[in-house]
Amino acid sequence: MSTEPLRCAGALIVDDDGRLFFQRRSPHRRLFPNCWDVVGGHLESGEDVEAALRREVTEETGWTVARLIRPVGEYRYVGDDGLERIENDWLVQVEGDLDRPRLEAGKHTEYRWLTEEDLPLLDEHRDVNDGLIRRIAEEAFAALRAMGR
């Protein structure tokens, strides 16, 4: 078994109002059950971050990545499964009906578009993810402010 960290990509999808998209993970998921999360997942063999972002956005929402706006950050964490991960998160714009994401059945149960004022919602089940998703969201909103959005 490899001792290298698993590589992951996360998409912070932004709408025209400057809100960010989050989805709640199913309570049956092994990693971060019932927590709010960004769109994303593990890189497949031979895949780079951009390709993974494009694939994951389509798989998890039915939308298509229109543009990678800018990187948000790189995050290292150890999941509930004991495996180390390195996640690269990006702000992205998508094409599709933003009022009708096609959530992956069995993986996600609901979604929300959040403003910066809504971030306390991401603290639900913080004991499971140690506030990681909220930290990522705060940095994404800071990046949007720096861009004047």
N, C-alpha and C. Protein backbone atom coordinates (compact mmCIF):
# COMPACT_ATOMS: atom_id res chain seq x y z
N MET A 1 0.84 -1.19 0.00
CA MET A 1 0.00 0.00 0.00
C MET A 1 0.89 1.25 0.00
N SER A 2 0.53 2.22 -0.83
CA SER A 2 1.29 3.46 -0.95
C SER A 2 1.22 4.27 0.34
N THR A 3 2.32 4.92 0.68
CA THR A 3 2.33 5.82 1.83
C THR A 3 2.20 7.27 1.38
N GLU A 4 2.11 7.48 0.06
CA GLU A 4 1.92 8.84 -0.47
C GLU A 4 0.52 9.33 -0.12
N PRO A 5 0.38 10.63 0.18
CA PRO A 5 -0.96 11.16 0.44
C PRO A 5 -1.85 11.03 -0.80
N LEU A 6 -3.14 10.85 -0.59
CA LEU A 6 -4.09 10.85 -1.69
C LEU A 6 -4.25 12.28 -2.18
N ARG A 7 -4.32 12.45 -3.48
CA ARG A 7 -4.50 13.79 -4.05
C ARG A 7 -5.98 14.02 -4.32
N CYS A 8 -6.45 15.20 -3.96
CA CYS A 8 -7.87 15.55 -4.13
C CYS A 8 -7.98 16.94 -4.76
N ALA A 9 -9.14 17.18 -5.38
CA ALA A 9 -9.45 18.48 -5.96
C ALA A 9 -10.81 18.91 -5.45
N GLY A 10 -10.94 20.19 -5.10
CA GLY A 10 -12.21 20.72 -4.63
C GLY A 10 -12.60 21.97 -5.41
N ALA A 11 -13.88 22.02 -5.80
CA ALA A 11 -14.40 23.15 -6.57
C ALA A 11 -15.31 23.98 -5.70
N LEU A 12 -14.95 25.23 -5.50
CA LEU A 12 -15.83 26.19 -4.83
C LEU A 12 -16.55 26.93 -5.95
N ILE A 13 -17.76 26.48 -6.22
CA ILE A 13 -18.55 27.00 -7.32
C ILE A 13 -19.18 28.32 -6.88
N VAL A 14 -18.96 29.37 -7.67
CA VAL A 14 -19.47 30.70 -7.34
C VAL A 14 -20.53 31.09 -8.36
N ASP A 15 -21.62 31.71 -7.87
CA ASP A 15 -22.67 32.16 -8.78
C ASP A 15 -22.49 33.66 -9.05
N ASP A 16 -23.38 34.23 -9.86
CA ASP A 16 -23.26 35.64 -10.23
C ASP A 16 -23.48 36.60 -9.07
N ASP A 17 -24.08 36.10 -7.97
CA ASP A 17 -24.29 36.92 -6.78
C ASP A 17 -23.16 36.79 -5.77
N GLY A 18 -22.10 36.03 -6.12
CA GLY A 18 -20.96 35.86 -5.22
C GLY A 18 -21.19 34.84 -4.12
N ARG A 19 -22.24 34.01 -4.27
CA ARG A 19 -22.49 32.95 -3.30
C ARG A 19 -21.71 31.70 -3.70
N LEU A 20 -21.46 30.83 -2.71
CA LEU A 20 -20.75 29.58 -2.95
C LEU A 20 -21.68 28.39 -2.73
N PHE A 21 -21.47 27.36 -3.52
CA PHE A 21 -22.30 26.15 -3.49
C PHE A 21 -21.71 25.11 -2.55
N PHE A 22 -22.56 24.58 -1.66
CA PHE A 22 -22.16 23.50 -0.76
C PHE A 22 -23.23 22.42 -0.81
N GLN A 23 -22.80 21.19 -0.59
CA GLN A 23 -23.74 20.08 -0.55
C GLN A 23 -23.47 19.25 0.70
N ARG A 24 -24.55 18.67 1.24
CA ARG A 24 -24.42 17.87 2.45
C ARG A 24 -24.14 16.42 2.07
N ARG A 25 -23.10 15.87 2.68
CA ARG A 25 -22.75 14.48 2.45
C ARG A 25 -23.76 13.57 3.15
N SER A 26 -24.04 12.45 2.56
CA SER A 26 -24.97 11.48 3.13
C SER A 26 -24.48 11.04 4.51
N PRO A 27 -25.39 10.73 5.43
CA PRO A 27 -24.97 10.24 6.75
C PRO A 27 -24.29 8.87 6.68
N HIS A 28 -24.38 8.21 5.54
CA HIS A 28 -23.78 6.87 5.37
C HIS A 28 -22.36 6.93 4.82
N ARG A 29 -21.87 8.13 4.48
CA ARG A 29 -20.53 8.25 3.92
C ARG A 29 -19.49 7.99 5.01
N ARG A 30 -18.42 7.33 4.64
CA ARG A 30 -17.37 7.01 5.61
C ARG A 30 -16.60 8.27 6.01
N LEU A 31 -16.29 9.11 5.05
CA LEU A 31 -15.53 10.33 5.31
C LEU A 31 -16.49 11.51 5.47
N PHE A 32 -16.41 12.20 6.57
CA PHE A 32 -17.22 13.40 6.86
C PHE A 32 -18.73 13.15 6.69
N PRO A 33 -19.28 12.13 7.34
CA PRO A 33 -20.72 11.86 7.20
C PRO A 33 -21.58 13.02 7.68
N ASN A 34 -22.62 13.33 6.89
CA ASN A 34 -23.63 14.33 7.22
C ASN A 34 -23.07 15.75 7.29
N CYS A 35 -21.86 15.98 6.80
CA CYS A 35 -21.24 17.31 6.82
C CYS A 35 -21.48 18.02 5.50
N TRP A 36 -21.43 19.34 5.58
CA TRP A 36 -21.44 20.16 4.36
C TRP A 36 -20.07 20.05 3.72
N ASP A 37 -20.03 20.10 2.40
CA ASP A 37 -18.77 19.92 1.69
C ASP A 37 -18.80 20.68 0.38
N VAL A 38 -17.61 20.90 -0.17
CA VAL A 38 -17.48 21.46 -1.51
C VAL A 38 -17.59 20.30 -2.50
N VAL A 39 -17.77 20.62 -3.75
CA VAL A 39 -17.77 19.61 -4.80
C VAL A 39 -16.34 19.16 -5.02
N GLY A 40 -16.11 17.86 -5.14
CA GLY A 40 -14.76 17.41 -5.41
C GLY A 40 -14.54 15.97 -5.01
N GLY A 41 -13.29 15.56 -5.14
CA GLY A 41 -12.95 14.19 -4.79
C GLY A 41 -11.52 13.86 -5.16
N HIS A 42 -11.23 12.58 -5.15
CA HIS A 42 -9.87 12.09 -5.42
C HIS A 42 -9.52 12.16 -6.91
N LEU A 43 -8.27 12.47 -7.19
CA LEU A 43 -7.78 12.41 -8.55
C LEU A 43 -7.66 10.95 -8.97
N GLU A 44 -8.09 10.66 -10.18
CA GLU A 44 -7.94 9.32 -10.72
C GLU A 44 -6.55 9.17 -11.31
N SER A 45 -6.13 7.96 -11.56
CA SER A 45 -4.79 7.68 -12.09
C SER A 45 -4.56 8.48 -13.37
N GLY A 46 -3.45 9.23 -13.41
CA GLY A 46 -3.08 10.00 -14.58
C GLY A 46 -3.82 11.32 -14.74
N GLU A 47 -4.68 11.66 -13.79
CA GLU A 47 -5.49 12.86 -13.87
C GLU A 47 -4.80 14.02 -13.15
N ASP A 48 -4.91 15.24 -13.70
CA ASP A 48 -4.40 16.41 -13.00
C ASP A 48 -5.57 17.10 -12.30
N VAL A 49 -5.27 18.13 -11.52
CA VAL A 49 -6.29 18.81 -10.72
C VAL A 49 -7.40 19.38 -11.60
N GLU A 50 -7.04 20.03 -12.70
CA GLU A 50 -8.07 20.64 -13.56
C GLU A 50 -9.01 19.57 -14.12
N ALA A 51 -8.48 18.48 -14.59
CA ALA A 51 -9.32 17.41 -15.13
C ALA A 51 -10.23 16.84 -14.04
N ALA A 52 -9.68 16.68 -12.83
CA ALA A 52 -10.48 16.15 -11.72
C ALA A 52 -11.60 17.12 -11.36
N LEU A 53 -11.31 18.43 -11.34
CA LEU A 53 -12.35 19.42 -11.05
C LEU A 53 -13.48 19.32 -12.07
N ARG A 54 -13.13 19.25 -13.33
CA ARG A 54 -14.14 19.18 -14.39
C ARG A 54 -14.98 17.91 -14.25
N ARG A 55 -14.34 16.79 -14.01
CA ARG A 55 -15.05 15.51 -13.88
C ARG A 55 -15.95 15.53 -12.65
N GLU A 56 -15.40 15.94 -11.50
CA GLU A 56 -16.17 15.92 -10.26
C GLU A 56 -17.37 16.86 -10.31
N VAL A 57 -17.21 18.04 -10.87
CA VAL A 57 -18.34 18.98 -10.96
C VAL A 57 -19.48 18.35 -11.76
N THR A 58 -19.17 17.74 -12.88
CA THR A 58 -20.21 17.11 -13.70
C THR A 58 -20.82 15.92 -12.98
N GLU A 59 -19.99 15.08 -12.36
CA GLU A 59 -20.51 13.91 -11.65
C GLU A 59 -21.41 14.29 -10.48
N GLU A 60 -21.02 15.31 -9.72
CA GLU A 60 -21.73 15.64 -8.48
C GLU A 60 -22.86 16.64 -8.63
N THR A 61 -22.89 17.39 -9.76
CA THR A 61 -23.93 18.41 -9.92
C THR A 61 -24.64 18.38 -11.27
N GLY A 62 -24.03 17.76 -12.28
CA GLY A 62 -24.58 17.79 -13.62
C GLY A 62 -24.18 19.04 -14.39
N TRP A 63 -23.48 19.97 -13.74
CA TRP A 63 -23.04 21.19 -14.39
C TRP A 63 -21.71 20.96 -15.10
N THR A 64 -21.31 21.94 -15.91
CA THR A 64 -20.04 21.90 -16.63
C THR A 64 -19.18 23.08 -16.17
N VAL A 65 -17.91 22.83 -15.90
CA VAL A 65 -17.00 23.93 -15.53
C VAL A 65 -16.82 24.84 -16.74
N ALA A 66 -17.14 26.11 -16.56
CA ALA A 66 -16.97 27.10 -17.62
C ALA A 66 -15.60 27.77 -17.51
N ARG A 67 -15.14 27.95 -16.25
CA ARG A 67 -13.89 28.68 -16.05
C ARG A 67 -13.32 28.39 -14.67
N LEU A 68 -12.02 28.14 -14.63
CA LEU A 68 -11.30 28.10 -13.36
C LEU A 68 -10.91 29.54 -13.06
N ILE A 69 -11.38 30.07 -11.95
CA ILE A 69 -11.16 31.48 -11.64
C ILE A 69 -9.79 31.68 -11.01
N ARG A 70 -9.54 30.98 -9.91
CA ARG A 70 -8.25 31.08 -9.24
C ARG A 70 -8.16 30.04 -8.14
N PRO A 71 -6.93 29.68 -7.76
CA PRO A 71 -6.79 28.73 -6.66
C PRO A 71 -7.18 29.38 -5.33
N VAL A 72 -7.73 28.57 -4.43
CA VAL A 72 -8.09 29.03 -3.09
C VAL A 72 -7.00 28.61 -2.11
N GLY A 73 -6.51 27.37 -2.25
CA GLY A 73 -5.47 26.91 -1.34
C GLY A 73 -5.23 25.41 -1.47
N GLU A 74 -4.19 24.99 -0.79
CA GLU A 74 -3.86 23.57 -0.70
C GLU A 74 -3.98 23.17 0.76
N TYR A 75 -4.70 22.08 1.02
CA TYR A 75 -5.02 21.66 2.38
C TYR A 75 -4.57 20.23 2.59
N ARG A 76 -3.90 19.99 3.72
CA ARG A 76 -3.50 18.64 4.12
C ARG A 76 -4.34 18.23 5.30
N TYR A 77 -4.87 17.03 5.24
CA TYR A 77 -5.65 16.53 6.37
C TYR A 77 -5.65 15.00 6.36
N VAL A 78 -5.97 14.44 7.50
CA VAL A 78 -6.12 13.00 7.64
C VAL A 78 -7.59 12.73 7.86
N GLY A 79 -8.17 11.91 7.01
CA GLY A 79 -9.59 11.60 7.10
C GLY A 79 -9.89 10.60 8.21
N ASP A 80 -11.19 10.38 8.43
CA ASP A 80 -11.65 9.41 9.41
C ASP A 80 -11.08 8.01 9.15
N ASP A 81 -10.69 7.77 7.90
CA ASP A 81 -10.16 6.47 7.50
C ASP A 81 -8.67 6.33 7.78
N GLY A 82 -8.05 7.40 8.35
CA GLY A 82 -6.63 7.36 8.69
C GLY A 82 -5.70 7.69 7.53
N LEU A 83 -6.26 7.99 6.35
CA LEU A 83 -5.42 8.28 5.19
C LEU A 83 -5.18 9.77 5.05
N GLU A 84 -3.91 10.12 4.76
CA GLU A 84 -3.55 11.52 4.56
C GLU A 84 -3.97 11.94 3.15
N ARG A 85 -4.45 13.18 3.06
CA ARG A 85 -4.87 13.73 1.77
C ARG A 85 -4.27 15.11 1.58
N ILE A 86 -4.03 15.45 0.32
CA ILE A 86 -3.66 16.81 -0.07
C ILE A 86 -4.73 17.25 -1.05
N GLU A 87 -5.43 18.32 -0.70
CA GLU A 87 -6.54 18.80 -1.53
C GLU A 87 -6.21 20.17 -2.07
N ASN A 88 -6.36 20.34 -3.38
CA ASN A 88 -6.21 21.64 -4.04
C ASN A 88 -7.59 22.14 -4.39
N ASP A 89 -7.96 23.30 -3.82
CA ASP A 89 -9.29 23.86 -4.04
C ASP A 89 -9.21 25.10 -4.93
N TRP A 90 -10.20 25.23 -5.81
CA TRP A 90 -10.27 26.31 -6.77
C TRP A 90 -11.64 26.95 -6.77
N LEU A 91 -11.69 28.26 -7.00
CA LEU A 91 -12.94 28.94 -7.32
C LEU A 91 -13.24 28.65 -8.79
N VAL A 92 -14.47 28.26 -9.07
CA VAL A 92 -14.85 27.96 -10.45
C VAL A 92 -16.22 28.54 -10.77
N GLN A 93 -16.44 28.81 -12.05
CA GLN A 93 -17.76 29.16 -12.57
C GLN A 93 -18.23 27.97 -13.39
N VAL A 94 -19.54 27.75 -13.38
CA VAL A 94 -20.10 26.61 -14.10
C VAL A 94 -21.20 27.07 -15.05
N GLU A 95 -21.53 26.18 -15.98
CA GLU A 95 -22.66 26.38 -16.88
C GLU A 95 -23.71 25.34 -16.53
N GLY A 96 -24.96 25.74 -16.59
CA GLY A 96 -26.07 24.85 -16.27
C GLY A 96 -27.10 25.60 -15.45
N ASP A 97 -28.19 24.94 -15.14
CA ASP A 97 -29.26 25.53 -14.33
C ASP A 97 -28.84 25.49 -12.87
N LEU A 98 -28.41 26.63 -12.35
CA LEU A 98 -27.89 26.69 -10.98
C LEU A 98 -28.96 26.46 -9.92
N ASP A 99 -30.22 26.48 -10.31
CA ASP A 99 -31.30 26.18 -9.38
C ASP A 99 -31.62 24.69 -9.33
N ARG A 100 -30.98 23.90 -10.19
CA ARG A 100 -31.30 22.47 -10.28
C ARG A 100 -30.05 21.60 -10.43
N PRO A 101 -29.22 21.56 -9.39
CA PRO A 101 -28.09 20.63 -9.48
C PRO A 101 -28.60 19.19 -9.45
N ARG A 102 -27.87 18.31 -10.09
CA ARG A 102 -28.21 16.89 -10.06
C ARG A 102 -27.28 16.22 -9.06
N LEU A 103 -27.70 16.19 -7.79
CA LEU A 103 -26.86 15.62 -6.74
C LEU A 103 -26.71 14.12 -6.95
N GLU A 104 -25.53 13.60 -6.63
CA GLU A 104 -25.28 12.17 -6.76
C GLU A 104 -26.11 11.41 -5.73
N ALA A 105 -26.97 10.53 -6.22
CA ALA A 105 -27.85 9.75 -5.33
C ALA A 105 -27.00 8.91 -4.38
N GLY A 106 -27.38 8.95 -3.11
CA GLY A 106 -26.69 8.16 -2.10
C GLY A 106 -25.44 8.83 -1.54
N LYS A 107 -24.93 9.85 -2.22
CA LYS A 107 -23.72 10.52 -1.76
C LYS A 107 -24.00 11.87 -1.11
N HIS A 108 -25.01 12.59 -1.63
CA HIS A 108 -25.35 13.91 -1.10
C HIS A 108 -26.86 14.00 -0.93
N THR A 109 -27.30 14.70 0.13
CA THR A 109 -28.71 14.75 0.45
C THR A 109 -29.37 16.11 0.21
N GLU A 110 -28.60 17.18 0.21
CA GLU A 110 -29.16 18.51 -0.02
C GLU A 110 -28.05 19.46 -0.41
N TYR A 111 -28.44 20.65 -0.87
CA TYR A 111 -27.45 21.66 -1.25
C TYR A 111 -27.92 23.03 -0.78
N ARG A 112 -26.97 23.96 -0.71
CA ARG A 112 -27.27 25.36 -0.38
C ARG A 112 -26.27 26.27 -1.09
N TRP A 113 -26.75 27.44 -1.45
CA TRP A 113 -25.88 28.53 -1.91
C TRP A 113 -25.69 29.44 -0.71
N LEU A 114 -24.46 29.64 -0.28
CA LEU A 114 -24.20 30.41 0.94
C LEU A 114 -23.47 31.72 0.65
N THR A 115 -23.82 32.72 1.47
CA THR A 115 -23.05 33.97 1.51
C THR A 115 -22.05 33.84 2.65
N GLU A 116 -21.19 34.81 2.76
CA GLU A 116 -20.21 34.79 3.84
C GLU A 116 -20.89 34.80 5.21
N GLU A 117 -22.04 35.47 5.31
CA GLU A 117 -22.77 35.54 6.57
C GLU A 117 -23.38 34.18 6.97
N ASP A 118 -23.52 33.29 6.01
CA ASP A 118 -24.12 31.97 6.26
C ASP A 118 -23.11 30.93 6.73
N LEU A 119 -21.85 31.28 6.82
CA LEU A 119 -20.81 30.29 7.10
C LEU A 119 -20.96 29.52 8.41
N PRO A 120 -21.60 30.06 9.45
CA PRO A 120 -21.77 29.24 10.66
C PRO A 120 -22.47 27.89 10.40
N LEU A 121 -23.28 27.82 9.34
CA LEU A 121 -23.92 26.56 8.98
C LEU A 121 -22.88 25.45 8.78
N LEU A 122 -21.72 25.83 8.28
CA LEU A 122 -20.67 24.83 7.98
C LEU A 122 -20.04 24.26 9.24
N ASP A 123 -20.37 24.81 10.41
CA ASP A 123 -19.84 24.28 11.66
C ASP A 123 -20.62 23.07 12.17
N GLU A 124 -21.73 22.73 11.51
CA GLU A 124 -22.47 21.53 11.91
C GLU A 124 -21.51 20.33 11.81
N HIS A 125 -21.50 19.51 12.80
CA HIS A 125 -20.65 18.31 12.82
C HIS A 125 -19.17 18.66 12.70
N ARG A 126 -18.79 19.82 13.24
CA ARG A 126 -17.40 20.26 13.17
C ARG A 126 -16.45 19.24 13.79
N ASP A 127 -16.94 18.47 14.77
CA ASP A 127 -16.10 17.47 15.41
C ASP A 127 -15.63 16.43 14.39
N VAL A 128 -16.39 16.23 13.32
CA VAL A 128 -16.03 15.23 12.31
C VAL A 128 -14.95 15.76 11.37
N ASN A 129 -15.06 17.02 10.97
CA ASN A 129 -14.10 17.55 9.99
C ASN A 129 -13.22 18.66 10.55
N ASP A 130 -13.27 18.91 11.85
CA ASP A 130 -12.40 19.88 12.52
C ASP A 130 -12.49 21.28 11.90
N GLY A 131 -13.65 21.63 11.34
CA GLY A 131 -13.82 22.97 10.78
C GLY A 131 -13.13 23.19 9.44
N LEU A 132 -12.65 22.13 8.81
CA LEU A 132 -11.91 22.26 7.55
C LEU A 132 -12.73 22.96 6.47
N ILE A 133 -13.96 22.56 6.28
CA ILE A 133 -14.77 23.13 5.20
C ILE A 133 -15.03 24.61 5.44
N ARG A 134 -15.27 25.00 6.69
CA ARG A 134 -15.47 26.43 6.97
C ARG A 134 -14.20 27.22 6.67
N ARG A 135 -13.03 26.69 7.05
CA ARG A 135 -11.77 27.39 6.76
C ARG A 135 -11.58 27.57 5.25
N ILE A 136 -11.87 26.53 4.50
CA ILE A 136 -11.76 26.62 3.04
C ILE A 136 -12.73 27.68 2.51
N ALA A 137 -13.95 27.67 3.01
CA ALA A 137 -14.95 28.65 2.57
C ALA A 137 -14.52 30.07 2.90
N GLU A 138 -13.98 30.28 4.10
CA GLU A 138 -13.52 31.62 4.48
C GLU A 138 -12.42 32.10 3.54
N GLU A 139 -11.52 31.21 3.18
CA GLU A 139 -10.44 31.60 2.26
C GLU A 139 -10.98 31.86 0.85
N ALA A 140 -12.02 31.13 0.45
CA ALA A 140 -12.63 31.36 -0.86
C ALA A 140 -13.30 32.73 -0.90
N PHE A 141 -14.04 33.07 0.17
CA PHE A 141 -14.67 34.39 0.20
C PHE A 141 -13.62 35.50 0.26
N ALA A 142 -12.51 35.28 0.95
CA ALA A 142 -11.43 36.27 0.98
C ALA A 142 -10.86 36.46 -0.42
N ALA A 143 -10.71 35.38 -1.17
CA ALA A 143 -10.21 35.47 -2.55
C ALA A 143 -11.20 36.25 -3.43
N LEU A 144 -12.48 36.02 -3.23
CA LEU A 144 -13.48 36.76 -4.00
C LEU A 144 -13.43 38.26 -3.66
N ARG A 145 -13.27 38.58 -2.37
CA ARG A 145 -13.17 40.00 -1.97
C ARG A 145 -11.93 40.63 -2.60
N ALA A 146 -10.83 39.91 -2.62
CA ALA A 146 -9.58 40.43 -3.19
C ALA A 146 -9.74 40.71 -4.69
N MET A 147 -10.64 39.99 -5.31
CA MET A 147 -10.91 40.19 -6.75
C MET A 147 -11.95 41.28 -6.97
N GLY A 148 -12.50 41.83 -5.87
CA GLY A 148 -13.51 42.88 -6.00
C GLY A 148 -14.89 42.34 -6.27
N ARG A 149 -15.15 41.08 -5.89
CA ARG A 149 -16.48 40.48 -6.13
C ARG A 149 -17.26 40.38 -4.84
